[in-house]
Amino acid sequence: MSQKKIFQNFDFFLLFLIILLTSFGLIGIALATRSPVEGTDGAVSDAIGSFNLQQVKLQITWFVTGLVIMAVVVSIDYHTISDLAVYAYWVVVGLLIVVMFFGTKGGGAQSWIEFGPFRMQPSEFSKVALILMLARIMAKREEEGINNLKTFGLLFLTLAIPFVLTVKQPDMGTAMVLVVIFTGMIFVGGIKYKHLFIVLGLAIAAVPVVWYTFLDDYQKNRILVYLNPGMDPLGDGYHVLQSIMSIGSGQMTGQFGREGLLSVNLLSQLDFLPAKDTDFVYSVTTEALGFVGGIAIIVLFYLLLMRTMRIAKRSRDTLGSYICVGVASMILFHVFENIGMAMGIMPITGIPLPFMSYGGSSMWTNMIAFGLVLNVGMRRQKINF
């Protein structure tokens, strides 16, 4: 097939949505890391100089390198990538084991491997590795179906290994993402409802065990504060209360819509809002751009998900469909949890907002994931290179 036909199959609109979301994220990171301005009279140069763009530059670097990684992923047939998924999966598992013994701690979890000034979070890459492995198993055992005990047991074991290693860090947010990916893919794969209810029943029964055995005190407090943020307004409830205040202060058109770009200080710039460039970047962006900006971000994520599911529906085989469904499940939970915790309707878990939160591991993981989605879309008809 000609190069022209290949580009016709490439979903440029999906890439455009990713660029827009990354741009919103760069705005949020720039504002979150900006120093407070003093006064508004003729101090334009001082106001411009208040922006510390170091993290913005790093985020751009990770995005650009992510585009290169995406191009590599797109250039290789996803069937070939699926054949290599076993190796990628065990490499990630190996890195999770390394983290358990030699990892760097941060935010209450031992989740990173340090390389000089940079840190890598292997649990981020476990999401893509899990998607590829589950899709491979389900596609290869399509005739047997996933309701076969042997097949389902293999799928569950594939989930359990990275899940346990991630919980051990402890990183309950990423562990929940892995469960959601698994649930979304087996649901689309045709699991019988009675089997799904059995799994859900076992999960509910395991809640007391997880609560008393695996959760640290700070994680328990996060859940309790989620139910009643006012119980500890200066402690564990501080994050969510400040986030709600930041979003609310944006009103309809945002602080910039009322007071101008260079003259106003956001709550995040005054250091009222913690984790402002990562966990709560949505709060910063919405405070600056208001309800209109916040809704625009949600609409962009909605279009991204719908486009992904459209590619899943048009895929030429079940392997491609399963990959897209896995990516959609991952992004949906990330968006729902991150924006939900910023609004106080979900517990704080430290899950980043895709393409917007500061971080290289998260950016590369999402670029790889959507490289796979674009890959599936390009090869909805057989392409010969």
Protein backbone atom coordinates (compact mmCIF):
# COMPACT_ATOMS: atom_id res chain seq x y z
CA MET A 1 0.00 0.00 0.00
CA SER A 2 1.26 3.50 -0.88
CA GLN A 3 2.60 6.04 1.61
CA LYS A 4 -0.37 8.24 0.70
CA LYS A 5 -2.78 5.57 1.91
CA ILE A 6 -0.80 5.19 5.15
CA PHE A 7 -1.17 8.89 5.92
CA GLN A 8 -4.85 8.74 5.03
CA ASN A 9 -5.27 6.15 7.77
CA PHE A 10 -3.28 8.17 10.31
CA ASP A 11 -5.64 9.90 12.77
CA PHE A 12 -4.30 13.45 12.81
CA PHE A 13 -7.29 14.63 14.84
CA LEU A 14 -6.31 12.30 17.70
CA LEU A 15 -2.78 13.71 17.63
CA PHE A 16 -4.22 17.24 17.57
CA LEU A 17 -6.25 16.50 20.73
CA ILE A 18 -3.09 15.27 22.46
CA ILE A 19 -1.23 18.46 21.49
CA LEU A 20 -4.08 20.62 22.81
CA LEU A 21 -4.20 18.79 26.14
CA THR A 22 -0.42 19.05 26.48
CA SER A 23 -0.68 22.78 25.78
CA PHE A 24 -3.23 23.19 28.57
CA GLY A 25 -0.87 21.25 30.81
CA LEU A 26 2.04 23.56 29.95
CA ILE A 27 -0.11 26.55 30.89
CA GLY A 28 -0.99 24.92 34.21
CA ILE A 29 2.65 23.98 34.98
CA ALA A 30 3.88 27.49 34.07
CA LEU A 31 1.31 29.06 36.39
CA ALA A 32 1.90 26.57 39.19
CA THR A 33 5.64 27.24 39.25
CA ARG A 34 5.36 31.02 38.86
CA SER A 35 6.54 33.22 41.72
CA PRO A 36 4.03 35.69 43.26
CA VAL A 37 4.04 39.22 41.79
CA GLU A 38 4.07 42.30 43.97
CA GLY A 39 2.06 45.24 42.72
CA THR A 40 0.58 45.84 39.27
CA ASP A 41 1.91 49.27 38.26
CA GLY A 42 4.23 49.29 35.28
CA ALA A 43 5.96 46.10 36.28
CA VAL A 44 5.35 44.06 33.13
CA SER A 45 8.98 42.96 32.88
CA ASP A 46 8.98 41.90 36.55
CA ALA A 47 5.73 39.99 36.04
CA ILE A 48 7.15 38.19 33.01
CA GLY A 49 10.30 37.42 34.96
CA SER A 50 8.22 35.79 37.70
CA PHE A 51 7.70 32.75 35.49
CA ASN A 52 10.11 29.93 36.26
CA LEU A 53 10.04 27.91 33.06
CA GLN A 54 12.47 25.14 34.04
CA GLN A 55 9.72 22.55 34.52
CA VAL A 56 7.89 23.78 31.43
CA LYS A 57 11.06 23.21 29.38
CA LEU A 58 11.46 19.72 30.83
CA GLN A 59 7.82 18.90 30.09
CA ILE A 60 8.28 20.07 26.50
CA THR A 61 11.39 17.89 26.26
CA TRP A 62 9.47 14.86 27.49
CA PHE A 63 6.65 15.62 25.06
CA VAL A 64 8.99 15.97 22.09
CA THR A 65 10.88 12.80 22.98
CA GLY A 66 7.48 11.19 23.53
CA LEU A 67 6.56 12.10 19.95
CA VAL A 68 9.71 10.33 18.78
CA ILE A 69 8.77 7.25 20.83
CA MET A 70 5.24 7.45 19.44
CA ALA A 71 6.63 7.57 15.88
CA VAL A 72 8.67 4.42 16.58
CA VAL A 73 5.61 2.64 18.02
CA VAL A 74 3.48 3.67 15.03
CA SER A 75 6.07 2.44 12.53
CA ILE A 76 6.01 -1.15 13.84
CA ASP A 77 2.96 -3.32 13.17
CA TYR A 78 1.06 -3.79 16.43
CA HIS A 79 1.05 -7.55 15.87
CA THR A 80 4.85 -7.51 16.04
CA ILE A 81 4.67 -5.36 19.16
CA SER A 82 2.24 -7.87 20.65
CA ASP A 83 4.74 -10.65 20.02
CA LEU A 84 7.33 -8.65 21.99
CA ALA A 85 4.86 -7.87 24.79
CA VAL A 86 5.99 -10.84 26.89
CA TYR A 87 9.53 -9.48 27.09
CA ALA A 88 8.33 -5.94 27.85
CA TYR A 89 6.04 -7.27 30.57
CA TRP A 90 8.82 -9.15 32.38
CA VAL A 91 11.24 -6.24 32.02
CA VAL A 92 8.69 -4.01 33.76
CA VAL A 93 8.12 -6.65 36.45
CA GLY A 94 11.89 -6.79 36.95
CA LEU A 95 12.03 -3.00 37.33
CA LEU A 96 9.20 -3.13 39.89
CA ILE A 97 11.24 -5.65 41.88
CA VAL A 98 14.28 -3.35 41.67
CA VAL A 99 12.13 -0.49 42.97
CA MET A 100 11.04 -2.62 45.92
CA PHE A 101 14.65 -3.04 47.09
CA PHE A 102 16.52 -0.02 45.75
CA GLY A 103 13.81 2.51 44.86
CA THR A 104 13.65 6.14 45.91
CA LYS A 105 10.87 7.31 48.19
CA GLY A 106 8.60 10.27 47.51
CA GLY A 107 5.08 11.20 48.63
CA GLY A 108 4.94 8.25 51.02
CA ALA A 109 5.72 5.65 48.34
CA GLN A 110 8.91 3.96 47.14
CA SER A 111 8.11 4.14 43.43
CA TRP A 112 11.10 5.63 41.60
CA ILE A 113 14.48 4.64 40.25
CA GLU A 114 16.99 7.48 40.16
CA PHE A 115 19.28 8.22 37.20
CA GLY A 116 21.33 11.20 38.32
CA PRO A 117 18.95 14.19 38.54
CA PHE A 118 16.12 12.27 36.86
CA ARG A 119 13.70 9.71 38.26
CA MET A 120 11.78 6.98 36.44
CA GLN A 121 8.56 5.44 37.73
CA PRO A 122 8.30 1.84 36.42
CA SER A 123 4.73 1.44 37.70
CA GLU A 124 3.64 3.91 34.98
CA PHE A 125 5.00 1.63 32.24
CA SER A 126 3.32 -1.39 33.87
CA LYS A 127 0.00 -0.06 32.57
CA VAL A 128 1.00 -0.37 28.91
CA ALA A 129 2.74 -3.68 29.54
CA LEU A 130 -0.43 -5.05 31.15
CA ILE A 131 -2.61 -3.83 28.27
CA LEU A 132 -0.42 -5.53 25.69
CA MET A 133 -0.20 -8.80 27.63
CA LEU A 134 -3.93 -9.02 28.32
CA ALA A 135 -4.75 -8.17 24.69
CA ARG A 136 -2.30 -10.81 23.46
CA ILE A 137 -3.72 -13.55 25.70
CA MET A 138 -7.35 -12.69 24.91
CA ALA A 139 -6.74 -12.53 21.16
CA LYS A 140 -4.81 -15.81 21.06
CA ARG A 141 -7.47 -17.61 23.11
CA GLU A 142 -10.43 -16.06 21.31
CA GLU A 143 -11.93 -19.42 20.35
CA GLU A 144 -11.83 -20.69 23.95
CA GLY A 145 -13.18 -17.42 25.32
CA ILE A 146 -12.15 -15.75 28.56
CA ASN A 147 -14.82 -17.59 30.55
CA ASN A 148 -12.62 -20.66 30.29
CA LEU A 149 -11.12 -21.22 33.76
CA LYS A 150 -7.59 -21.70 32.43
CA THR A 151 -7.74 -18.53 30.31
CA PHE A 152 -9.27 -16.42 33.04
CA GLY A 153 -6.73 -17.72 35.55
CA LEU A 154 -3.89 -16.73 33.22
CA LEU A 155 -5.41 -13.26 32.75
CA PHE A 156 -5.83 -12.83 36.50
CA LEU A 157 -2.25 -13.93 37.17
CA THR A 158 -1.02 -11.44 34.56
CA LEU A 159 -2.78 -8.70 36.53
CA ALA A 160 -1.82 -10.00 39.98
CA ILE A 161 1.97 -9.87 39.57
CA PRO A 162 2.35 -6.11 38.81
CA PHE A 163 -0.62 -5.34 41.08
CA VAL A 164 1.01 -6.90 44.15
CA LEU A 165 4.39 -5.30 43.40
CA THR A 166 2.71 -1.90 42.99
CA VAL A 167 0.69 -2.23 46.21
CA LYS A 168 3.92 -3.09 48.03
CA GLN A 169 5.43 0.32 47.15
CA PRO A 170 2.68 1.34 48.22
CA ASP A 171 1.08 3.01 45.18
CA MET A 172 -2.62 2.29 45.51
CA GLY A 173 -3.54 4.76 42.78
CA THR A 174 -1.61 2.92 40.07
CA ALA A 175 -2.78 -0.42 41.48
CA MET A 176 -6.38 0.73 41.00
CA VAL A 177 -5.60 1.74 37.41
CA LEU A 178 -4.32 -1.78 36.71
CA VAL A 179 -7.57 -3.23 38.09
CA VAL A 180 -9.67 -0.88 35.95
CA ILE A 181 -7.70 -1.80 32.82
CA PHE A 182 -8.26 -5.49 33.60
CA THR A 183 -11.97 -4.97 34.27
CA GLY A 184 -12.56 -2.92 31.13
CA MET A 185 -10.80 -5.39 28.87
CA ILE A 186 -12.45 -8.55 30.22
CA PHE A 187 -15.83 -6.82 30.10
CA VAL A 188 -15.41 -6.06 26.40
CA GLY A 189 -13.92 -9.54 25.96
CA GLY A 190 -17.29 -11.05 26.87
CA ILE A 191 -16.91 -12.23 30.44
CA LYS A 192 -20.13 -13.61 31.88
CA TYR A 193 -21.81 -11.33 34.37
CA LYS A 194 -21.91 -14.02 37.04
CA HIS A 195 -18.13 -14.39 36.82
CA LEU A 196 -17.71 -10.63 36.96
CA PHE A 197 -19.94 -10.43 40.03
CA ILE A 198 -17.91 -13.20 41.68
CA VAL A 199 -14.72 -11.19 41.10
CA LEU A 200 -16.38 -8.02 42.42
CA GLY A 201 -17.64 -9.94 45.44
CA LEU A 202 -14.15 -11.20 46.18
CA ALA A 203 -12.81 -7.67 45.79
CA ILE A 204 -15.36 -6.33 48.28
CA ALA A 205 -14.59 -9.16 50.69
CA ALA A 206 -10.90 -8.27 50.44
CA VAL A 207 -11.49 -4.66 51.53
CA PRO A 208 -11.03 -5.36 55.27
CA VAL A 209 -7.86 -7.36 54.54
CA VAL A 210 -6.44 -4.53 52.43
CA TRP A 211 -7.47 -1.94 55.05
CA TYR A 212 -5.78 -3.64 57.99
CA THR A 213 -2.86 -5.29 56.17
CA PHE A 214 -1.70 -3.18 53.21
CA LEU A 215 -2.79 0.42 53.83
CA ASP A 216 -0.54 2.75 55.79
CA ASP A 217 -2.02 5.25 58.23
CA TYR A 218 -1.70 8.16 55.81
CA GLN A 219 -3.65 6.21 53.15
CA LYS A 220 -6.42 5.40 55.64
CA ASN A 221 -6.57 9.07 56.62
CA ARG A 222 -6.93 10.06 52.97
CA ILE A 223 -10.00 7.84 52.63
CA LEU A 224 -11.53 9.11 55.88
CA VAL A 225 -10.85 12.72 54.91
CA TYR A 226 -12.40 12.07 51.49
CA LEU A 227 -15.62 11.16 53.30
CA ASN A 228 -15.36 14.30 55.47
CA PRO A 229 -12.68 16.83 54.41
CA GLY A 230 -13.65 19.14 57.27
CA MET A 231 -12.46 16.64 59.90
CA ASP A 232 -8.84 17.70 59.35
CA PRO A 233 -8.81 21.02 57.45
CA LEU A 234 -5.17 21.81 58.28
CA GLY A 235 -3.87 18.26 57.82
CA ASP A 236 -5.02 15.56 55.43
CA GLY A 237 -8.07 17.58 54.39
CA TYR A 238 -5.98 20.60 53.44
CA HIS A 239 -5.21 19.47 49.88
CA VAL A 240 -8.79 18.89 48.78
CA LEU A 241 -10.17 22.01 50.50
CA GLN A 242 -7.56 24.23 48.84
CA SER A 243 -8.21 22.55 45.51
CA ILE A 244 -11.94 23.22 45.76
CA MET A 245 -11.24 26.85 46.68
CA SER A 246 -8.89 27.22 43.70
CA ILE A 247 -11.45 25.86 41.25
CA GLY A 248 -14.24 27.94 42.77
CA SER A 249 -12.22 31.16 42.66
CA GLY A 250 -11.93 30.80 38.89
CA GLN A 251 -15.69 31.37 38.51
CA MET A 252 -16.88 31.56 34.88
CA THR A 253 -13.96 33.04 32.93
CA GLY A 254 -11.08 32.60 35.39
CA GLN A 255 -8.82 34.96 37.25
CA PHE A 256 -7.13 36.01 34.03
CA GLY A 257 -10.46 36.82 32.44
CA ARG A 258 -11.18 39.32 35.20
CA GLU A 259 -7.78 40.71 36.20
CA GLY A 260 -5.35 40.06 33.37
CA LEU A 261 -2.54 37.59 32.80
CA LEU A 262 0.38 39.35 34.48
CA SER A 263 -1.18 41.17 37.43
CA VAL A 264 -2.95 38.43 39.36
CA ASN A 265 -1.63 35.86 41.84
CA LEU A 266 -3.31 32.47 41.93
CA LEU A 267 -3.74 30.51 45.15
CA SER A 268 -1.20 28.04 43.83
CA GLN A 269 1.38 30.78 43.33
CA LEU A 270 0.85 31.86 46.94
CA ASP A 271 1.59 28.23 47.96
CA PHE A 272 -1.87 27.51 49.32
CA LEU A 273 -2.34 24.58 46.92
CA PRO A 274 0.07 21.60 47.31
CA ALA A 275 1.24 19.35 44.44
CA LYS A 276 0.11 22.09 42.11
CA ASP A 277 2.08 21.04 39.02
CA THR A 278 1.28 17.32 39.29
CA ASP A 279 -1.79 16.04 41.17
CA PHE A 280 -3.70 19.33 41.11
CA VAL A 281 -2.69 20.86 37.79
CA TYR A 282 -6.39 20.82 36.80
CA SER A 283 -7.20 23.06 39.78
CA VAL A 284 -4.51 25.55 38.78
CA THR A 285 -5.63 25.65 35.15
CA THR A 286 -9.31 25.98 36.05
CA GLU A 287 -8.60 28.78 38.53
CA ALA A 288 -6.81 30.68 35.77
CA LEU A 289 -9.23 29.90 32.91
CA GLY A 290 -12.45 29.44 34.87
CA PHE A 291 -15.41 27.16 34.28
CA VAL A 292 -15.03 27.66 30.53
CA GLY A 293 -11.44 26.40 30.58
CA GLY A 294 -12.26 23.52 32.93
CA ILE A 295 -15.10 22.33 30.72
CA ALA A 296 -12.94 22.69 27.61
CA ILE A 297 -10.38 20.30 29.14
CA ILE A 298 -13.08 17.76 29.99
CA VAL A 299 -14.51 18.00 26.45
CA LEU A 300 -11.05 17.38 24.97
CA PHE A 301 -10.66 14.25 27.09
CA TYR A 302 -14.15 13.12 26.05
CA LEU A 303 -13.24 13.53 22.36
CA LEU A 304 -9.97 11.67 22.97
CA LEU A 305 -11.83 8.73 24.50
CA MET A 306 -14.51 8.67 21.81
CA ARG A 307 -11.86 8.75 19.10
CA THR A 308 -10.03 5.87 20.76
CA MET A 309 -13.21 3.78 20.96
CA ARG A 310 -13.97 4.62 17.32
CA ILE A 311 -10.59 3.17 16.34
CA ALA A 312 -11.30 0.12 18.54
CA LYS A 313 -14.59 -0.44 16.72
CA ARG A 314 -12.97 -0.13 13.28
CA SER A 315 -9.97 -2.33 14.07
CA ARG A 316 -9.46 -5.21 11.66
CA ASP A 317 -9.07 -7.76 14.49
CA THR A 318 -9.78 -8.29 18.16
CA LEU A 319 -6.15 -7.74 19.18
CA GLY A 320 -6.33 -4.13 17.99
CA SER A 321 -9.72 -3.64 19.63
CA TYR A 322 -8.50 -4.97 22.98
CA ILE A 323 -5.45 -2.69 22.91
CA CYS A 324 -7.62 0.38 22.28
CA VAL A 325 -10.12 -0.61 24.97
CA GLY A 326 -7.27 -1.06 27.46
CA VAL A 327 -5.91 2.41 26.67
CA ALA A 328 -9.39 3.94 26.90
CA SER A 329 -9.99 2.26 30.29
CA MET A 330 -6.67 3.60 31.58
CA ILE A 331 -7.30 7.18 30.43
CA LEU A 332 -10.93 7.20 31.61
CA PHE A 333 -9.98 6.23 35.14
CA HIS A 334 -7.07 8.68 35.24
CA VAL A 335 -9.30 11.57 34.15
CA PHE A 336 -12.23 10.62 36.39
CA GLU A 337 -10.03 10.10 39.46
CA ASN A 338 -7.74 13.10 39.01
CA ILE A 339 -10.44 15.66 38.20
CA GLY A 340 -12.72 14.02 40.77
CA MET A 341 -10.16 14.36 43.56
CA ALA A 342 -9.54 17.99 42.53
CA MET A 343 -13.27 18.62 43.02
CA GLY A 344 -13.47 16.64 46.25
CA ILE A 345 -15.70 13.86 44.90
CA MET A 346 -12.93 11.22 44.77
CA PRO A 347 -10.22 10.31 47.31
CA ILE A 348 -6.72 11.70 46.78
CA THR A 349 -4.52 9.01 45.23
CA GLY A 350 -1.75 10.90 43.44
CA ILE A 351 -2.85 9.78 39.97
CA PRO A 352 -1.60 12.23 37.30
CA LEU A 353 -3.84 13.87 34.72
CA PRO A 354 -2.78 12.48 31.31
CA PHE A 355 -0.68 14.87 29.17
CA MET A 356 -1.20 17.70 31.68
CA SER A 357 0.50 16.69 34.93
CA TYR A 358 4.24 17.31 35.16
CA GLY A 359 6.31 14.14 34.81
CA GLY A 360 8.33 12.26 32.20
CA SER A 361 7.26 8.70 33.04
CA SER A 362 3.59 9.63 32.79
CA MET A 363 4.08 11.53 29.53
CA TRP A 364 6.03 8.70 27.87
CA THR A 365 3.53 6.10 29.05
CA ASN A 366 0.64 8.03 27.51
CA MET A 367 2.54 8.67 24.28
CA ILE A 368 3.34 4.97 23.96
CA ALA A 369 -0.29 4.08 24.69
CA PHE A 370 -1.67 6.40 22.03
CA GLY A 371 1.08 5.38 19.64
CA LEU A 372 -0.47 1.92 19.89
CA VAL A 373 -3.96 3.35 19.29
CA LEU A 374 -2.76 5.23 16.20
CA ASN A 375 -0.97 2.07 15.11
CA VAL A 376 -4.21 0.09 15.24
CA GLY A 377 -6.05 2.83 13.35
CA MET A 378 -3.45 2.96 10.58
CA ARG A 379 -3.65 -0.78 10.04
CA ARG A 380 -7.40 -1.18 9.93
CA GLN A 381 -6.62 -2.35 6.40
CA LYS A 382 -3.47 -4.37 5.78
CA ILE A 383 -0.51 -2.12 5.02
CA ASN A 384 2.60 -3.34 3.27
CA PHE A 385 5.65 -1.20 3.94
